């Protein structure tokens, strides 16, 4: 037997392994619409299950990634108010020194720096107590008005098959290429084993 009798089957087996894997990957997305083959309806896995994928993704995002409980905990964190305090204090100061006096000129005779500082302290203290309550109420209203699961589900379900394929390819392109290489390697190994077994059986 010539060397071509050994190498051709091995290369053909490697090629078959690569093509089989490539077809399997393509069948994740194609055909995009159901087609009938010998009476069987065939459709790509992702297009066929796009609605189910959208629902599951919506559930994961709403429960794991964007939990309202976690968002609320971050929003009402006292550190947030501390970061805003300088700006709030500046606005209160402007209001007491300028706007309030403009609205009620007679107050300028009774409000001095000491009174303004006392009022600012009182306002900020009240705000510290009121801020978590306001934010909690706001988050409850937001949670009732904003259905994250529904929004994500509808967005993903509305993607075109082309866009869905493009998104998943961007995420898994390297992995798909690796699988194609693995398919070729396994095909090569299988072809090599077959050639060796054939050689052994003929010797």
Protein backbone atom coordinates (compact mmCIF):
# COMPACT_ATOMS: atom_id res chain seq x y z
CA UNK A 1 0.00 0.00 0.00
CA UNK A 2 1.23 3.49 -0.87
CA UNK A 3 1.31 6.32 1.65
CA UNK A 4 -1.77 7.84 -0.01
CA UNK A 5 -3.75 4.75 1.02
CA UNK A 6 -3.02 5.71 4.62
CA UNK A 7 -3.18 9.48 4.56
CA UNK A 8 -6.30 9.95 2.40
CA UNK A 9 -8.69 8.04 4.74
CA UNK A 10 -7.25 9.87 7.75
CA UNK A 11 -7.62 13.29 6.12
CA UNK A 12 -11.10 12.40 4.87
CA UNK A 13 -12.10 11.35 8.38
CA UNK A 14 -10.73 14.62 9.81
CA UNK A 15 -12.62 16.59 7.16
CA UNK A 16 -15.79 14.65 7.94
CA UNK A 17 -15.39 15.41 11.65
CA UNK A 18 -14.95 19.13 10.90
CA UNK A 19 -17.91 19.27 8.49
CA UNK A 20 -20.17 17.37 10.90
CA UNK A 21 -19.34 19.78 13.72
CA UNK A 22 -19.74 22.80 11.43
CA UNK A 23 -23.17 21.57 10.33
CA UNK A 24 -24.19 20.92 13.95
CA UNK A 25 -23.22 24.50 14.90
CA UNK A 26 -25.05 25.95 11.89
CA UNK A 27 -28.14 23.97 12.85
CA UNK A 28 -28.25 25.92 16.10
CA UNK A 29 -29.44 28.89 14.01
CA UNK A 30 -30.57 27.43 10.68
CA UNK A 31 -33.00 26.98 9.14
CA UNK A 32 -34.47 30.12 10.65
CA UNK A 33 -37.98 29.17 9.62
CA UNK A 34 -39.43 25.63 9.79
CA UNK A 35 -38.96 23.57 6.66
CA UNK A 36 -40.33 20.13 5.89
CA UNK A 37 -37.86 17.33 5.11
CA UNK A 38 -39.39 13.92 4.39
CA UNK A 39 -42.45 14.90 6.39
CA UNK A 40 -40.43 16.14 9.38
CA UNK A 41 -40.35 19.80 10.33
CA UNK A 42 -36.82 21.05 10.83
CA UNK A 43 -35.82 24.38 12.38
CA UNK A 44 -32.72 25.79 14.07
CA UNK A 45 -32.62 25.23 17.83
CA UNK A 46 -32.42 28.92 18.77
CA UNK A 47 -35.09 30.22 16.35
CA UNK A 48 -37.39 27.39 17.38
CA UNK A 49 -36.95 28.09 21.08
CA UNK A 50 -36.52 31.88 20.90
CA UNK A 51 -39.66 32.60 22.91
CA UNK A 52 -38.67 30.12 25.62
CA UNK A 53 -35.11 31.52 25.70
CA UNK A 54 -36.55 35.03 26.01
CA UNK A 55 -38.77 33.98 28.94
CA UNK A 56 -35.91 32.24 30.77
CA UNK A 57 -33.56 35.17 30.17
CA UNK A 58 -36.22 37.58 31.45
CA UNK A 59 -36.60 35.52 34.62
CA UNK A 60 -32.85 35.37 35.20
CA UNK A 61 -32.35 39.10 34.63
CA UNK A 62 -35.25 40.15 36.86
CA UNK A 63 -34.40 37.74 39.69
CA UNK A 64 -30.62 37.47 39.58
CA UNK A 65 -29.12 40.46 37.77
CA UNK A 66 -31.54 43.30 38.52
CA UNK A 67 -33.27 42.31 41.74
CA UNK A 68 -35.41 45.18 43.03
CA UNK A 69 -34.48 44.21 46.57
CA UNK A 70 -30.79 44.73 45.78
CA UNK A 71 -31.46 47.97 43.91
CA UNK A 72 -33.53 49.25 46.85
CA UNK A 73 -30.76 48.36 49.31
CA UNK A 74 -28.26 50.36 47.27
CA UNK A 75 -30.61 53.32 46.73
CA UNK A 76 -31.49 53.79 50.42
CA UNK A 77 -27.89 53.31 51.55
CA UNK A 78 -27.05 56.24 53.88
CA UNK A 79 -23.78 56.73 51.98
CA UNK A 80 -25.78 57.98 48.99
CA UNK A 81 -27.35 60.74 51.06
CA UNK A 82 -23.94 61.65 52.50
CA UNK A 83 -22.63 62.12 48.95
CA UNK A 84 -25.57 64.39 48.12
CA UNK A 85 -25.47 66.38 51.34
CA UNK A 86 -23.10 69.17 50.16
CA UNK A 87 -25.27 69.87 47.11
CA UNK A 88 -28.50 69.68 49.14
CA UNK A 89 -27.05 71.97 51.80
CA UNK A 90 -26.00 74.48 49.12
CA UNK A 91 -29.53 74.51 47.67
CA UNK A 92 -31.08 74.97 51.12
CA UNK A 93 -28.67 77.81 51.80
CA UNK A 94 -29.59 79.57 48.54
CA UNK A 95 -33.28 79.05 49.28
CA UNK A 96 -33.07 80.50 52.80
CA UNK A 97 -30.78 83.40 51.96
CA UNK A 98 -32.18 84.44 48.60
CA UNK A 99 -35.45 82.88 47.46
CA UNK A 100 -37.24 82.89 50.81
CA UNK A 101 -36.27 86.50 51.47
CA UNK A 102 -37.40 87.48 47.99
CA UNK A 103 -40.77 85.86 48.58
CA UNK A 104 -41.13 87.25 52.09
CA UNK A 105 -38.98 90.41 52.40
CA UNK A 106 -40.00 90.98 56.03
CA UNK A 107 -38.22 87.75 57.01
CA UNK A 108 -34.84 89.29 56.25
CA UNK A 109 -35.15 91.23 59.52
CA UNK A 110 -35.51 88.03 61.53
CA UNK A 111 -33.32 85.51 59.70
CA UNK A 112 -29.60 85.78 60.29
CA UNK A 113 -26.69 83.40 59.79
CA UNK A 114 -27.37 81.64 63.09
CA UNK A 115 -31.02 81.04 62.22
CA UNK A 116 -30.15 79.92 58.70
CA UNK A 117 -27.61 77.40 60.03
CA UNK A 118 -30.15 76.10 62.55
CA UNK A 119 -32.77 75.72 59.82
CA UNK A 120 -30.29 73.94 57.54
CA UNK A 121 -29.38 71.52 60.31
CA UNK A 122 -33.07 70.86 61.01
CA UNK A 123 -33.83 70.30 57.31
CA UNK A 124 -30.88 67.92 56.85
CA UNK A 125 -31.79 65.95 59.97
CA UNK A 126 -35.37 65.60 58.76
CA UNK A 127 -34.12 64.62 55.32
CA UNK A 128 -31.96 61.85 56.82
CA UNK A 129 -35.09 60.35 58.38
CA UNK A 130 -37.30 60.96 55.36
CA UNK A 131 -34.89 59.84 52.61
CA UNK A 132 -35.10 56.03 53.22
CA UNK A 133 -38.90 56.18 53.53
CA UNK A 134 -39.28 58.14 50.29
CA UNK A 135 -36.89 55.87 48.42
CA UNK A 136 -38.60 52.71 49.66
CA UNK A 137 -41.98 54.00 48.58
CA UNK A 138 -40.55 55.06 45.23
CA UNK A 139 -38.95 51.64 44.66
CA UNK A 140 -42.22 49.87 45.49
CA UNK A 141 -44.05 52.02 42.97
CA UNK A 142 -41.29 51.49 40.42
CA UNK A 143 -41.40 47.72 40.93
CA UNK A 144 -45.17 47.66 40.37
CA UNK A 145 -44.93 49.88 37.29
CA UNK A 146 -41.77 48.37 35.80
CA UNK A 147 -41.97 44.65 34.96
CA UNK A 148 -38.32 43.84 34.18
CA UNK A 149 -39.06 40.23 33.30
CA UNK A 150 -41.70 41.27 30.79
CA UNK A 151 -39.49 43.97 29.27
CA UNK A 152 -36.49 41.64 28.77
CA UNK A 153 -38.70 38.83 27.47
CA UNK A 154 -40.39 41.07 24.92
CA UNK A 155 -37.08 42.59 23.80
CA UNK A 156 -35.36 39.23 23.24
CA UNK A 157 -38.45 37.68 21.66
CA UNK A 158 -38.65 40.58 19.21
CA UNK A 159 -35.07 40.10 17.98
CA UNK A 160 -34.84 38.95 14.39
CA UNK A 161 -33.23 35.55 13.89
CA UNK A 162 -30.31 37.29 12.19
CA UNK A 163 -29.76 39.60 15.16
CA UNK A 164 -30.02 36.74 17.65
CA UNK A 165 -27.47 34.73 15.65
CA UNK A 166 -25.17 37.75 15.46
CA UNK A 167 -25.35 38.33 19.23
CA UNK A 168 -24.67 34.70 20.10
CA UNK A 169 -21.87 34.51 17.53
CA UNK A 170 -20.21 37.55 19.09
CA UNK A 171 -20.30 35.82 22.46
CA UNK A 172 -19.37 32.28 21.40
CA UNK A 173 -17.42 32.71 18.15
CA UNK A 174 -14.14 31.42 19.61
CA UNK A 175 -15.88 28.52 21.31
CA UNK A 176 -17.59 27.51 18.05
CA UNK A 177 -14.26 27.66 16.21
CA UNK A 178 -12.69 25.53 18.94
CA UNK A 179 -15.47 22.95 18.59
CA UNK A 180 -14.84 22.78 14.83
CA UNK A 181 -11.15 22.13 15.48
CA UNK A 182 -12.01 19.47 18.07
CA UNK A 183 -14.34 17.83 15.54
CA UNK A 184 -11.50 17.71 13.00
CA UNK A 185 -9.07 16.33 15.60
CA UNK A 186 -11.45 13.59 16.68
CA UNK A 187 -12.12 12.77 13.03
CA UNK A 188 -8.37 12.55 12.42
CA UNK A 189 -7.91 10.25 15.42
CA UNK A 190 -10.80 8.01 14.34
CA UNK A 191 -9.43 7.84 10.80
CA UNK A 192 -5.99 7.00 12.12
CA UNK A 193 -7.37 4.23 14.32
CA UNK A 194 -9.33 2.80 11.39
CA UNK A 195 -6.23 2.77 9.19
CA UNK A 196 -4.19 1.09 11.91
CA UNK A 197 -6.89 -1.54 12.53
CA UNK A 198 -7.12 -2.18 8.77
CA UNK A 199 -3.33 -2.54 8.59
CA UNK A 200 -3.28 -4.92 11.54
CA UNK A 201 -6.08 -7.04 10.10
CA UNK A 202 -4.25 -7.32 6.77
CA UNK A 203 -0.89 -8.21 8.31
